[in-house]
Amino acid sequence: MNTEFLPEAEEEFVEAARYYESAAPGVGFRFVAEVHRCLSFVSEHPYAAAAAEKGVRKKLLNHFPYNLLYAVESDLLVVVAVAHQKRRPGYWRNRIKKIKAAAGRSIAEDRQPYEPSEGA
């Protein structure tokens, strides 16, 4: 699955990595590696992370107080925010509206592919 960052999300990602790297050399690199690990996981399992909002899912990063918030649009994973867990909860919600308006499409509903239950 292809991945695309909203410009604001990419800025948050870079800013957090720079902060960690300036605080302790090597930690920024570990932060970047953890974000990439999460992206790889959600690319393979897009509906495995918890639903945060209609159409948006939230994957907790290991070892860092950040959530990766993303939406699934067909075969595209759109990163909505790289959000610190203790700062401004929900600030990213207006970005969903921007995606819908700018792209002229709605973000896919949180529907998992149909899987028949046992015995069906």
PDB file of N, CA and C in Angstrom:
ATOM      1  N   MET A   1       0.849  -1.173   0.000  1.00  0.00           N
ATOM      2  CA  MET A   1       0.000   0.000   0.000  1.00  0.00           C
ATOM      3  C   MET A   1       0.899   1.241   0.000  1.00  0.00           C
ATOM      4  N   ASN A   2       0.578   2.195  -0.841  1.00  0.00           N
ATOM      5  CA  ASN A   2       1.350   3.437  -0.899  1.00  0.00           C
ATOM      6  C   ASN A   2       0.999   4.323   0.288  1.00  0.00           C
ATOM      7  N   THR A   3       1.960   5.141   0.697  1.00  0.00           N
ATOM      8  CA  THR A   3       1.783   6.033   1.840  1.00  0.00           C
ATOM      9  C   THR A   3       2.022   7.469   1.409  1.00  0.00           C
ATOM     10  N   GLU A   4       1.187   8.358   1.926  1.00  0.00           N
ATOM     11  CA  GLU A   4       1.324   9.784   1.646  1.00  0.00           C
ATOM     12  C   GLU A   4       1.100  10.550   2.947  1.00  0.00           C
ATOM     13  N   PHE A   5       1.970  11.493   3.247  1.00  0.00           N
ATOM     14  CA  PHE A   5       1.811  12.352   4.415  1.00  0.00           C
ATOM     15  C   PHE A   5       1.110  13.631   3.993  1.00  0.00           C
ATOM     16  N   LEU A   6       0.152  14.083   4.790  1.00  0.00           N
ATOM     17  CA  LEU A   6      -0.337  15.444   4.609  1.00  0.00           C
ATOM     18  C   LEU A   6       0.831  16.370   4.951  1.00  0.00           C
ATOM     19  N   PRO A   7       0.923  17.543   4.329  1.00  0.00           N
ATOM     20  CA  PRO A   7       2.050  18.442   4.614  1.00  0.00           C
ATOM     21  C   PRO A   7       2.213  18.747   6.104  1.00  0.00           C
ATOM     22  N   GLU A   8       1.112  18.947   6.815  1.00  0.00           N
ATOM     23  CA  GLU A   8       1.176  19.237   8.248  1.00  0.00           C
ATOM     24  C   GLU A   8       1.734  18.045   9.030  1.00  0.00           C
ATOM     25  N   ALA A   9       1.349  16.842   8.626  1.00  0.00           N
ATOM     26  CA  ALA A   9       1.835  15.637   9.294  1.00  0.00           C
ATOM     27  C   ALA A   9       3.326  15.441   9.044  1.00  0.00           C
ATOM     28  N   GLU A  10       3.756  15.712   7.831  1.00  0.00           N
ATOM     29  CA  GLU A  10       5.179  15.595   7.514  1.00  0.00           C
ATOM     30  C   GLU A  10       5.990  16.601   8.323  1.00  0.00           C
ATOM     31  N   GLU A  11       5.461  17.800   8.463  1.00  0.00           N
ATOM     32  CA  GLU A  11       6.136  18.831   9.259  1.00  0.00           C
ATOM     33  C   GLU A  11       6.251  18.401  10.722  1.00  0.00           C
ATOM     34  N   GLU A  12       5.175  17.825  11.271  1.00  0.00           N
ATOM     35  CA  GLU A  12       5.210  17.334  12.657  1.00  0.00           C
ATOM     36  C   GLU A  12       6.256  16.235  12.823  1.00  0.00           C
ATOM     37  N   PHE A  13       6.299  15.349  11.868  1.00  0.00           N
ATOM     38  CA  PHE A  13       7.242  14.235  11.890  1.00  0.00           C
ATOM     39  C   PHE A  13       8.685  14.748  11.908  1.00  0.00           C
ATOM     40  N   VAL A  14       9.004  15.640  10.993  1.00  0.00           N
ATOM     41  CA  VAL A  14      10.361  16.184  10.894  1.00  0.00           C
ATOM     42  C   VAL A  14      10.710  16.980  12.154  1.00  0.00           C
ATOM     43  N   GLU A  15       9.756  17.774  12.626  1.00  0.00           N
ATOM     44  CA  GLU A  15       9.987  18.590  13.818  1.00  0.00           C
ATOM     45  C   GLU A  15      10.269  17.721  15.046  1.00  0.00           C
ATOM     46  N   ALA A  16       9.507  16.654  15.224  1.00  0.00           N
ATOM     47  CA  ALA A  16       9.725  15.761  16.363  1.00  0.00           C
ATOM     48  C   ALA A  16      11.075  15.055  16.249  1.00  0.00           C
ATOM     49  N   ALA A  17      11.435  14.618  15.055  1.00  0.00           N
ATOM     50  CA  ALA A  17      12.726  13.950  14.852  1.00  0.00           C
ATOM     51  C   ALA A  17      13.876  14.902  15.159  1.00  0.00           C
ATOM     52  N   ARG A  18      13.758  16.137  14.717  1.00  0.00           N
ATOM     53  CA  ARG A  18      14.805  17.138  15.007  1.00  0.00           C
ATOM     54  C   ARG A  18      14.913  17.401  16.504  1.00  0.00           C
ATOM     55  N   TYR A  19      13.766  17.499  17.165  1.00  0.00           N
ATOM     56  CA  TYR A  19      13.768  17.724  18.605  1.00  0.00           C
ATOM     57  C   TYR A  19      14.504  16.589  19.320  1.00  0.00           C
ATOM     58  N   TYR A  20      14.123  15.357  19.021  1.00  0.00           N
ATOM     59  CA  TYR A  20      14.762  14.212  19.680  1.00  0.00           C
ATOM     60  C   TYR A  20      16.250  14.144  19.367  1.00  0.00           C
ATOM     61  N   GLU A  21      16.623  14.447  18.139  1.00  0.00           N
ATOM     62  CA  GLU A  21      18.037  14.381  17.763  1.00  0.00           C
ATOM     63  C   GLU A  21      18.845  15.468  18.480  1.00  0.00           C
ATOM     64  N   SER A  22      18.249  16.635  18.648  1.00  0.00           N
ATOM     65  CA  SER A  22      18.968  17.707  19.346  1.00  0.00           C
ATOM     66  C   SER A  22      19.062  17.422  20.847  1.00  0.00           C
ATOM     67  N   ALA A  23      18.078  16.724  21.386  1.00  0.00           N
ATOM     68  CA  ALA A  23      18.091  16.389  22.816  1.00  0.00           C
ATOM     69  C   ALA A  23      19.132  15.318  23.124  1.00  0.00           C
ATOM     70  N   ALA A  24      19.272  14.339  22.239  1.00  0.00           N
ATOM     71  CA  ALA A  24      20.228  13.248  22.449  1.00  0.00           C
ATOM     72  C   ALA A  24      20.559  12.637  21.091  1.00  0.00           C
ATOM     73  N   PRO A  25      21.802  12.765  20.661  1.00  0.00           N
ATOM     74  CA  PRO A  25      22.182  12.210  19.354  1.00  0.00           C
ATOM     75  C   PRO A  25      21.799  10.731  19.223  1.00  0.00           C
ATOM     76  N   GLY A  26      21.180  10.416  18.097  1.00  0.00           N
ATOM     77  CA  GLY A  26      20.749   9.048  17.830  1.00  0.00           C
ATOM     78  C   GLY A  26      19.287   8.794  18.137  1.00  0.00           C
ATOM     79  N   VAL A  27      18.720   9.575  19.049  1.00  0.00           N
ATOM     80  CA  VAL A  27      17.312   9.362  19.424  1.00  0.00           C
ATOM     81  C   VAL A  27      16.386   9.801  18.288  1.00  0.00           C
ATOM     82  N   GLY A  28      16.747  10.859  17.589  1.00  0.00           N
ATOM     83  CA  GLY A  28      15.954  11.291  16.439  1.00  0.00           C
ATOM     84  C   GLY A  28      15.910  10.211  15.373  1.00  0.00           C
ATOM     85  N   PHE A  29      17.052   9.564  15.150  1.00  0.00           N
ATOM     86  CA  PHE A  29      17.108   8.461  14.192  1.00  0.00           C
ATOM     87  C   PHE A  29      16.203   7.319  14.643  1.00  0.00           C
ATOM     88  N   ARG A  30      16.199   7.018  15.932  1.00  0.00           N
ATOM     89  CA  ARG A  30      15.331   5.943  16.452  1.00  0.00           C
ATOM     90  C   ARG A  30      13.852   6.311  16.308  1.00  0.00           C
ATOM     91  N   PHE A  31      13.545   7.598  16.478  1.00  0.00           N
ATOM     92  CA  PHE A  31      12.166   8.054  16.285  1.00  0.00           C
ATOM     93  C   PHE A  31      11.738   7.842  14.832  1.00  0.00           C
ATOM     94  N   VAL A  32      12.588   8.244  13.894  1.00  0.00           N
ATOM     95  CA  VAL A  32      12.296   8.057  12.466  1.00  0.00           C
ATOM     96  C   VAL A  32      12.115   6.573  12.161  1.00  0.00           C
ATOM     97  N   ALA A  33      12.994   5.736  12.697  1.00  0.00           N
ATOM     98  CA  ALA A  33      12.898   4.289  12.469  1.00  0.00           C
ATOM     99  C   ALA A  33      11.590   3.734  13.024  1.00  0.00           C
ATOM    100  N   GLU A  34      11.154   4.228  14.172  1.00  0.00           N
ATOM    101  CA  GLU A  34       9.906   3.752  14.777  1.00  0.00           C
ATOM    102  C   GLU A  34       8.697   4.179  13.941  1.00  0.00           C
ATOM    103  N   VAL A  35       8.710   5.394  13.424  1.00  0.00           N
ATOM    104  CA  VAL A  35       7.611   5.838  12.558  1.00  0.00           C
ATOM    105  C   VAL A  35       7.563   4.954  11.312  1.00  0.00           C
ATOM    106  N   HIS A  36       8.717   4.667  10.730  1.00  0.00           N
ATOM    107  CA  HIS A  36       8.757   3.806   9.542  1.00  0.00           C
ATOM    108  C   HIS A  36       8.299   2.384   9.860  1.00  0.00           C
ATOM    109  N   ARG A  37       8.636   1.887  11.055  1.00  0.00           N
ATOM    110  CA  ARG A  37       8.174   0.558  11.463  1.00  0.00           C
ATOM    111  C   ARG A  37       6.644   0.544  11.558  1.00  0.00           C
ATOM    112  N   CYS A  38       6.079   1.591  12.150  1.00  0.00           N
ATOM    113  CA  CYS A  38       4.618   1.688  12.265  1.00  0.00           C
ATOM    114  C   CYS A  38       3.965   1.796  10.890  1.00  0.00           C
ATOM    115  N   LEU A  39       4.554   2.589  10.014  1.00  0.00           N
ATOM    116  CA  LEU A  39       4.015   2.718   8.656  1.00  0.00           C
ATOM    117  C   LEU A  39       4.019   1.377   7.932  1.00  0.00           C
ATOM    118  N   SER A  40       5.083   0.635   8.107  1.00  0.00           N
ATOM    119  CA  SER A  40       5.171  -0.686   7.484  1.00  0.00           C
ATOM    120  C   SER A  40       4.069  -1.600   8.020  1.00  0.00           C
ATOM    121  N   PHE A  41       3.876  -1.576   9.338  1.00  0.00           N
ATOM    122  CA  PHE A  41       2.846  -2.414   9.958  1.00  0.00           C
ATOM    123  C   PHE A  41       1.457  -2.044   9.450  1.00  0.00           C
ATOM    124  N   VAL A  42       1.125  -0.741   9.476  1.00  0.00           N
ATOM    125  CA  VAL A  42      -0.227  -0.353   9.063  1.00  0.00           C
ATOM    126  C   VAL A  42      -0.430  -0.481   7.559  1.00  0.00           C
ATOM    127  N   SER A  43       0.646  -0.456   6.790  1.00  0.00           N
ATOM    128  CA  SER A  43       0.521  -0.715   5.354  1.00  0.00           C
ATOM    129  C   SER A  43       0.106  -2.159   5.106  1.00  0.00           C
ATOM    130  N   GLU A  44       0.646  -3.059   5.908  1.00  0.00           N
ATOM    131  CA  GLU A  44       0.309  -4.478   5.784  1.00  0.00           C
ATOM    132  C   GLU A  44      -1.034  -4.809   6.430  1.00  0.00           C
ATOM    133  N   HIS A  45      -1.368  -4.107   7.496  1.00  0.00           N
ATOM    134  CA  HIS A  45      -2.586  -4.382   8.270  1.00  0.00           C
ATOM    135  C   HIS A  45      -3.322  -3.064   8.550  1.00  0.00           C
ATOM    136  N   PRO A  46      -3.901  -2.448   7.532  1.00  0.00           N
ATOM    137  CA  PRO A  46      -4.464  -1.103   7.700  1.00  0.00           C
ATOM    138  C   PRO A  46      -5.601  -0.988   8.704  1.00  0.00           C
ATOM    139  N   TYR A  47      -6.312  -2.066   8.981  1.00  0.00           N
ATOM    140  CA  TYR A  47      -7.438  -1.987   9.908  1.00  0.00           C
ATOM    141  C   TYR A  47      -7.118  -2.569  11.282  1.00  0.00           C
ATOM    142  N   ALA A  48      -5.853  -2.858  11.548  1.00  0.00           N
ATOM    143  CA  ALA A  48      -5.461  -3.441  12.827  1.00  0.00           C
ATOM    144  C   ALA A  48      -5.387  -2.394  13.942  1.00  0.00           C
ATOM    145  N   ALA A  49      -5.107  -1.158  13.605  1.00  0.00           N
ATOM    146  CA  ALA A  49      -4.998  -0.100  14.618  1.00  0.00           C
ATOM    147  C   ALA A  49      -6.396   0.351  15.051  1.00  0.00           C
ATOM    148  N   ALA A  50      -6.455   0.924  16.234  1.00  0.00           N
ATOM    149  CA  ALA A  50      -7.726   1.371  16.806  1.00  0.00           C
ATOM    150  C   ALA A  50      -8.317   2.531  16.018  1.00  0.00           C
ATOM    151  N   ALA A  51      -9.640   2.540  15.931  1.00  0.00           N
ATOM    152  CA  ALA A  51     -10.323   3.665  15.293  1.00  0.00           C
ATOM    153  C   ALA A  51     -10.255   4.873  16.230  1.00  0.00           C
ATOM    154  N   ALA A  52      -9.873   6.019  15.695  1.00  0.00           N
ATOM    155  CA  ALA A  52      -9.774   7.240  16.490  1.00  0.00           C
ATOM    156  C   ALA A  52     -10.974   8.141  16.235  1.00  0.00           C
ATOM    157  N   GLU A  53     -11.432   8.120  15.043  1.00  0.00           N
ATOM    158  CA  GLU A  53     -12.490   8.994  14.557  1.00  0.00           C
ATOM    159  C   GLU A  53     -13.020   8.295  13.310  1.00  0.00           C
ATOM    160  N   LYS A  54     -14.190   8.634  12.867  1.00  0.00           N
ATOM    161  CA  LYS A  54     -14.734   7.986  11.676  1.00  0.00           C
ATOM    162  C   LYS A  54     -13.773   8.166  10.500  1.00  0.00           C
ATOM    163  N   GLY A  55     -13.275   7.066   9.977  1.00  0.00           N
ATOM    164  CA  GLY A  55     -12.370   7.114   8.842  1.00  0.00           C
ATOM    165  C   GLY A  55     -10.900   7.286   9.194  1.00  0.00           C
ATOM    166  N   VAL A  56     -10.578   7.483  10.478  1.00  0.00           N
ATOM    167  CA  VAL A  56      -9.192   7.689  10.905  1.00  0.00           C
ATOM    168  C   VAL A  56      -8.829   6.653  11.956  1.00  0.00           C
ATOM    169  N   ARG A  57      -7.624   6.117  11.820  1.00  0.00           N
ATOM    170  CA  ARG A  57      -7.120   5.128  12.770  1.00  0.00           C
ATOM    171  C   ARG A  57      -5.884   5.663  13.462  1.00  0.00           C
ATOM    172  N   LYS A  58      -5.597   5.088  14.633  1.00  0.00           N
ATOM    173  CA  LYS A  58      -4.517   5.573  15.480  1.00  0.00           C
ATOM    174  C   LYS A  58      -3.615   4.413  15.878  1.00  0.00           C
ATOM    175  N   LYS A  59      -2.325   4.522  15.539  1.00  0.00           N
ATOM    176  CA  LYS A  59      -1.334   3.511  15.900  1.00  0.00           C
ATOM    177  C   LYS A  59      -0.334   4.143  16.857  1.00  0.00           C
ATOM    178  N   LEU A  60      -0.204   3.569  18.026  1.00  0.00           N
ATOM    179  CA  LEU A  60       0.720   4.043  19.046  1.00  0.00           C
ATOM    180  C   LEU A  60       2.143   3.658  18.672  1.00  0.00           C
ATOM    181  N   LEU A  61       3.055   4.616  18.756  1.00  0.00           N
ATOM    182  CA  LEU A  61       4.462   4.321  18.521  1.00  0.00           C
ATOM    183  C   LEU A  61       5.054   3.689  19.774  1.00  0.00           C
ATOM    184  N   ASN A  62       5.961   2.746  19.597  1.00  0.00           N
ATOM    185  CA  ASN A  62       6.678   2.166  20.729  1.00  0.00           C
ATOM    186  C   ASN A  62       7.769   3.131  21.174  1.00  0.00           C
ATOM    187  N   HIS A  63       7.979   3.254  22.462  1.00  0.00           N
ATOM    188  CA  HIS A  63       9.085   4.016  23.070  1.00  0.00           C
ATOM    189  C   HIS A  63       8.974   5.529  22.928  1.00  0.00           C
ATOM    190  N   PHE A  64       7.956   6.038  22.278  1.00  0.00           N
ATOM    191  CA  PHE A  64       7.780   7.475  22.108  1.00  0.00           C
ATOM    192  C   PHE A  64       6.319   7.824  22.383  1.00  0.00           C
ATOM    193  N   PRO A  65       6.051   8.979  23.000  1.00  0.00           N
ATOM    194  CA  PRO A  65       4.662   9.349  23.321  1.00  0.00           C
ATOM    195  C   PRO A  65       3.930   9.977  22.131  1.00  0.00           C
ATOM    196  N   TYR A  66       3.897   9.263  21.027  1.00  0.00           N
ATOM    197  CA  TYR A  66       3.269   9.754  19.800  1.00  0.00           C
ATOM    198  C   TYR A  66       2.317   8.721  19.229  1.00  0.00           C
ATOM    199  N   ASN A  67       1.305   9.218  18.535  1.00  0.00           N
ATOM    200  CA  ASN A  67       0.386   8.393  17.766  1.00  0.00           C
ATOM    201  C   ASN A  67       0.556   8.729  16.292  1.00  0.00           C
ATOM    202  N   LEU A  68       0.458   7.712  15.471  1.00  0.00           N
ATOM    203  CA  LEU A  68       0.421   7.883  14.023  1.00  0.00           C
ATOM    204  C   LEU A  68      -1.049   7.797  13.644  1.00  0.00           C
ATOM    205  N   LEU A  69      -1.622   8.897  13.178  1.00  0.00           N
ATOM    206  CA  LEU A  69      -3.027   8.933  12.784  1.00  0.00           C
ATOM    207  C   LEU A  69      -3.094   8.892  11.271  1.00  0.00           C
ATOM    208  N   TYR A  70      -3.906   7.984  10.757  1.00  0.00           N
ATOM    209  CA  TYR A  70      -3.945   7.790   9.309  1.00  0.00           C
ATOM    210  C   TYR A  70      -5.336   7.403   8.847  1.00  0.00           C
ATOM    211  N   ALA A  71      -5.550   7.594   7.557  1.00  0.00           N
ATOM    212  CA  ALA A  71      -6.807   7.206   6.911  1.00  0.00           C
ATOM    213  C   ALA A  71      -6.458   6.309   5.735  1.00  0.00           C
ATOM    214  N   VAL A  72      -7.365   5.408   5.422  1.00  0.00           N
ATOM    215  CA  VAL A  72      -7.180   4.505   4.289  1.00  0.00           C
ATOM    216  C   VAL A  72      -8.103   4.953   3.175  1.00  0.00           C
ATOM    217  N   GLU A  73      -7.505   5.267   2.046  1.00  0.00           N
ATOM    218  CA  GLU A  73      -8.252   5.708   0.862  1.00  0.00           C
ATOM    219  C   GLU A  73      -7.879   4.779  -0.281  1.00  0.00           C
ATOM    220  N   SER A  74      -8.751   3.851  -0.611  1.00  0.00           N
ATOM    221  CA  SER A  74      -8.485   2.829  -1.632  1.00  0.00           C
ATOM    222  C   SER A  74      -7.185   2.115  -1.307  1.00  0.00           C
ATOM    223  N   ASP A  75      -6.174   2.274  -2.152  1.00  0.00           N
ATOM    224  CA  ASP A  75      -4.892   1.614  -1.898  1.00  0.00           C
ATOM    225  C   ASP A  75      -3.852   2.610  -1.385  1.00  0.00           C
ATOM    226  N   LEU A  76      -4.319   3.716  -0.803  1.00  0.00           N
ATOM    227  CA  LEU A  76      -3.433   4.757  -0.300  1.00  0.00           C
ATOM    228  C   LEU A  76      -3.636   4.939   1.199  1.00  0.00           C
ATOM    229  N   LEU A  77      -2.535   4.977   1.927  1.00  0.00           N
ATOM    230  CA  LEU A  77      -2.546   5.253   3.353  1.00  0.00           C
ATOM    231  C   LEU A  77      -2.158   6.725   3.517  1.00  0.00           C
ATOM    232  N   VAL A  78      -3.058   7.542   4.044  1.00  0.00           N
ATOM    233  CA  VAL A  78      -2.810   8.971   4.202  1.00  0.00           C
ATOM    234  C   VAL A  78      -2.520   9.260   5.668  1.00  0.00           C
ATOM    235  N   VAL A  79      -1.291   9.695   5.959  1.00  0.00           N
ATOM    236  CA  VAL A  79      -0.921  10.046   7.329  1.00  0.00           C
ATOM    237  C   VAL A  79      -1.464  11.437   7.612  1.00  0.00           C
ATOM    238  N   VAL A  80      -2.366  11.498   8.572  1.00  0.00           N
ATOM    239  CA  VAL A  80      -3.057  12.732   8.921  1.00  0.00           C
ATOM    240  C   VAL A  80      -2.265  13.525   9.958  1.00  0.00           C
ATOM    241  N   ALA A  81      -1.617  12.815  10.899  1.00  0.00           N
ATOM    242  CA  ALA A  81      -0.858  13.492  11.951  1.00  0.00           C
ATOM    243  C   ALA A  81       0.137  12.536  12.582  1.00  0.00           C
ATOM    244  N   VAL A  82       1.228  13.105  13.043  1.00  0.00           N
ATOM    245  CA  VAL A  82       2.173  12.421  13.927  1.00  0.00           C
ATOM    246  C   VAL A  82       2.033  13.214  15.216  1.00  0.00           C
ATOM    247  N   ALA A  83       1.123  12.762  16.079  1.00  0.00           N
ATOM    248  CA  ALA A  83       0.624  13.572  17.186  1.00  0.00           C
ATOM    249  C   ALA A  83       1.160  13.135  18.539  1.00  0.00           C
ATOM    250  N   HIS A  84       1.670  14.095  19.291  1.00  0.00           N
ATOM    251  CA  HIS A  84       2.092  13.839  20.666  1.00  0.00           C
ATOM    252  C   HIS A  84       0.844  13.498  21.469  1.00  0.00           C
ATOM    253  N   GLN A  85       0.944  12.514  22.340  1.00  0.00           N
ATOM    254  CA  GLN A  85      -0.228  12.040  23.068  1.00  0.00           C
ATOM    255  C   GLN A  85      -0.753  13.007  24.121  1.00  0.00           C
ATOM    256  N   LYS A  86       0.081  13.912  24.584  1.00  0.00           N
ATOM    257  CA  LYS A  86      -0.331  14.810  25.674  1.00  0.00           C
ATOM    258  C   LYS A  86      -0.580  16.245  25.229  1.00  0.00           C
ATOM    259  N   ARG A  87      -0.480  16.506  23.957  1.00  0.00           N
ATOM    260  CA  ARG A  87      -0.639  17.878  23.477  1.00  0.00           C
ATOM    261  C   ARG A  87      -1.856  18.027  22.576  1.00  0.00           C
ATOM    262  N   ARG A  88      -2.650  19.015  22.861  1.00  0.00           N
ATOM    263  CA  ARG A  88      -3.780  19.403  22.014  1.00  0.00           C
ATOM    264  C   ARG A  88      -4.561  18.231  21.407  1.00  0.00           C
ATOM    265  N   PRO A  89      -5.229  17.444  22.204  1.00  0.00           N
ATOM    266  CA  PRO A  89      -5.962  16.313  21.633  1.00  0.00           C
ATOM    267  C   PRO A  89      -6.983  16.768  20.587  1.00  0.00           C
ATOM    268  N   GLY A  90      -7.010  16.065  19.475  1.00  0.00           N
ATOM    269  CA  GLY A  90      -7.990  16.336  18.432  1.00  0.00           C
ATOM    270  C   GLY A  90      -7.685  17.499  17.512  1.00  0.00           C
ATOM    271  N   TYR A  91      -6.537  18.149  17.663  1.00  0.00           N
ATOM    272  CA  TYR A  91      -6.207  19.301  16.825  1.00  0.00           C
ATOM    273  C   TYR A  91      -6.183  18.965  15.340  1.00  0.00           C
ATOM    274  N   TRP A  92      -5.979  17.724  15.012  1.00  0.00           N
ATOM    275  CA  TRP A  92      -5.811  17.268  13.630  1.00  0.00           C
ATOM    276  C   TRP A  92      -7.146  17.047  12.916  1.00  0.00           C
ATOM    277  N   ARG A  93      -8.260  17.117  13.612  1.00  0.00           N
ATOM    278  CA  ARG A  93      -9.565  16.782  13.015  1.00  0.00           C
ATOM    279  C   ARG A  93      -9.912  17.623  11.790  1.00  0.00           C
ATOM    280  N   ASN A  94      -9.516  18.885  11.790  1.00  0.00           N
ATOM    281  CA  ASN A  94      -9.849  19.729  10.630  1.00  0.00           C
ATOM    282  C   ASN A  94      -9.104  19.289   9.376  1.00  0.00           C
ATOM    283  N   ARG A  95      -8.074  18.505   9.514  1.00  0.00           N
ATOM    284  CA  ARG A  95      -7.332  18.009   8.351  1.00  0.00           C
ATOM    285  C   ARG A  95      -8.150  17.021   7.531  1.00  0.00           C
ATOM    286  N   ILE A  96      -9.034  16.306   8.165  1.00  0.00           N
ATOM    287  CA  ILE A  96      -9.894  15.355   7.454  1.00  0.00           C
ATOM    288  C   ILE A  96     -10.781  16.125   6.474  1.00  0.00           C
ATOM    289  N   LYS A  97     -11.319  17.229   6.926  1.00  0.00           N
ATOM    290  CA  LYS A  97     -12.153  18.055   6.056  1.00  0.00           C
ATOM    291  C   LYS A  97     -11.350  18.576   4.879  1.00  0.00           C
ATOM    292  N   LYS A  98     -10.088  18.940   5.123  1.00  0.00           N
ATOM    293  CA  LYS A  98      -9.227  19.432   4.045  1.00  0.00           C
ATOM    294  C   LYS A  98      -9.008  18.360   2.991  1.00  0.00           C
ATOM    295  N   ILE A  99      -8.806  17.136   3.434  1.00  0.00           N
ATOM    296  CA  ILE A  99      -8.593  16.038   2.482  1.00  0.00           C
ATOM    297  C   ILE A  99      -9.839  15.866   1.628  1.00  0.00           C
ATOM    298  N   LYS A 100     -10.985  15.821   2.266  1.00  0.00           N
ATOM    299  CA  LYS A 100     -12.237  15.627   1.534  1.00  0.00           C
ATOM    300  C   LYS A 100     -12.471  16.751   0.532  1.00  0.00           C
ATOM    301  N   ALA A 101     -12.270  17.993   0.972  1.00  0.00           N
ATOM    302  CA  ALA A 101     -12.523  19.140   0.100  1.00  0.00           C
ATOM    303  C   ALA A 101     -11.509  19.213  -1.035  1.00  0.00           C
ATOM    304  N   ALA A 102     -10.251  19.063  -0.711  1.00  0.00           N
ATOM    305  CA  ALA A 102      -9.194  19.206  -1.713  1.00  0.00           C
ATOM    306  C   ALA A 102      -9.198  18.073  -2.725  1.00  0.00           C
ATOM    307  N   ALA A 103      -9.418  16.868  -2.254  1.00  0.00           N
ATOM    308  CA  ALA A 103      -9.345  15.712  -3.138  1.00  0.00           C
ATOM    309  C   ALA A 103     -10.654  15.454  -3.873  1.00  0.00           C
ATOM    310  N   GLY A 104     -11.736  16.044  -3.375  1.00  0.00           N
ATOM    311  CA  GLY A 104     -13.023  15.804  -4.004  1.00  0.00           C
ATOM    312  C   GLY A 104     -13.493  14.371  -3.820  1.00  0.00           C
ATOM    313  N   ARG A 105     -13.024  13.756  -2.775  1.00  0.00           N
ATOM    314  CA  ARG A 105     -13.410  12.372  -2.473  1.00  0.00           C
ATOM    315  C   ARG A 105     -13.506  12.249  -0.973  1.00  0.00           C
ATOM    316  N   SER A 106     -14.222  11.253  -0.529  1.00  0.00           N
ATOM    317  CA  SER A 106     -14.323  11.034   0.910  1.00  0.00           C
ATOM    318  C   SER A 106     -13.352   9.939   1.325  1.00  0.00           C
ATOM    319  N   ILE A 107     -12.876  10.054   2.525  1.00  0.00           N
ATOM    320  CA  ILE A 107     -11.989   9.018   3.056  1.00  0.00           C
ATOM    321  C   ILE A 107     -12.836   7.777   3.293  1.00  0.00           C
ATOM    322  N   ALA A 108     -12.262   6.648   2.957  1.00  0.00           N
ATOM    323  CA  ALA A 108     -12.984   5.384   3.091  1.00  0.00           C
ATOM    324  C   ALA A 108     -13.503   5.207   4.509  1.00  0.00           C
ATOM    325  N   GLU A 109     -14.695   4.704   4.601  1.00  0.00           N
ATOM    326  CA  GLU A 109     -15.253   4.389   5.904  1.00  0.00           C
ATOM    327  C   GLU A 109     -14.423   3.270   6.523  1.00  0.00           C
ATOM    328  N   ASP A 110     -14.485   3.155   7.814  1.00  0.00           N
ATOM    329  CA  ASP A 110     -13.736   2.104   8.502  1.00  0.00           C
ATOM    330  C   ASP A 110     -14.455   0.764   8.322  1.00  0.00           C
ATOM    331  N   ARG A 111     -14.431   0.281   7.121  1.00  0.00           N
ATOM    332  CA  ARG A 111     -15.034  -1.014   6.832  1.00  0.00           C
ATOM    333  C   ARG A 111     -13.938  -2.015   6.566  1.00  0.00           C
ATOM    334  N   GLN A 112     -14.015  -3.114   7.243  1.00  0.00           N
ATOM    335  CA  GLN A 112     -13.062  -4.170   6.982  1.00  0.00           C
ATOM    336  C   GLN A 112     -13.644  -5.049   5.887  1.00  0.00           C
ATOM    337  N   PRO A 113     -12.770  -5.688   5.108  1.00  0.00           N
ATOM    338  CA  PRO A 113     -13.288  -6.584   4.077  1.00  0.00           C
ATOM    339  C   PRO A 113     -14.182  -7.656   4.673  1.00  0.00           C
ATOM    340  N   TYR A 114     -15.201  -8.037   3.934  1.00  0.00           N
ATOM    341  CA  TYR A 114     -16.129  -9.046   4.405  1.00  0.00           C
ATOM    342  C   TYR A 114     -15.422 -10.376   4.564  1.00  0.00           C
ATOM    343  N   GLU A 115     -15.612 -10.978   5.737  1.00  0.00           N
ATOM    344  CA  GLU A 115     -15.089 -12.314   5.974  1.00  0.00           C
ATOM    345  C   GLU A 115     -16.243 -13.123   6.561  1.00  0.00           C
ATOM    346  N   PRO A 116     -16.640 -14.183   5.874  1.00  0.00           N
ATOM    347  CA  PRO A 116     -17.750 -14.983   6.393  1.00  0.00           C
ATOM    348  C   PRO A 116     -17.378 -15.609   7.724  1.00  0.00           C
ATOM    349  N   SER A 117     -18.359 -15.671   8.615  1.00  0.00           N
ATOM    350  CA  SER A 117     -18.105 -16.289   9.914  1.00  0.00           C
ATOM    351  C   SER A 117     -18.096 -17.800   9.751  1.00  0.00           C
ATOM    352  N   GLU A 118     -17.522 -18.452  10.753  1.00  0.00           N
ATOM    353  CA  GLU A 118     -17.477 -19.911  10.705  1.00  0.00           C
ATOM    354  C   GLU A 118     -18.909 -20.435  10.735  1.00  0.00           C
ATOM    355  N   GLY A 119     -19.137 -21.428   9.960  1.00  0.00           N
ATOM    356  CA  GLY A 119     -20.469 -22.016   9.900  1.00  0.00           C
ATOM    357  C   GLY A 119     -21.360 -21.345   8.879  1.00  0.00           C
ATOM    358  N   ALA A 120     -20.881 -20.300   8.233  1.00  0.00           N
ATOM    359  CA  ALA A 120     -21.713 -19.623   7.226  1.00  0.00           C
ATOM    360  C   ALA A 120     -21.464 -20.208   5.871  1.00  0.00           C
TER     361      ALA A 120
END
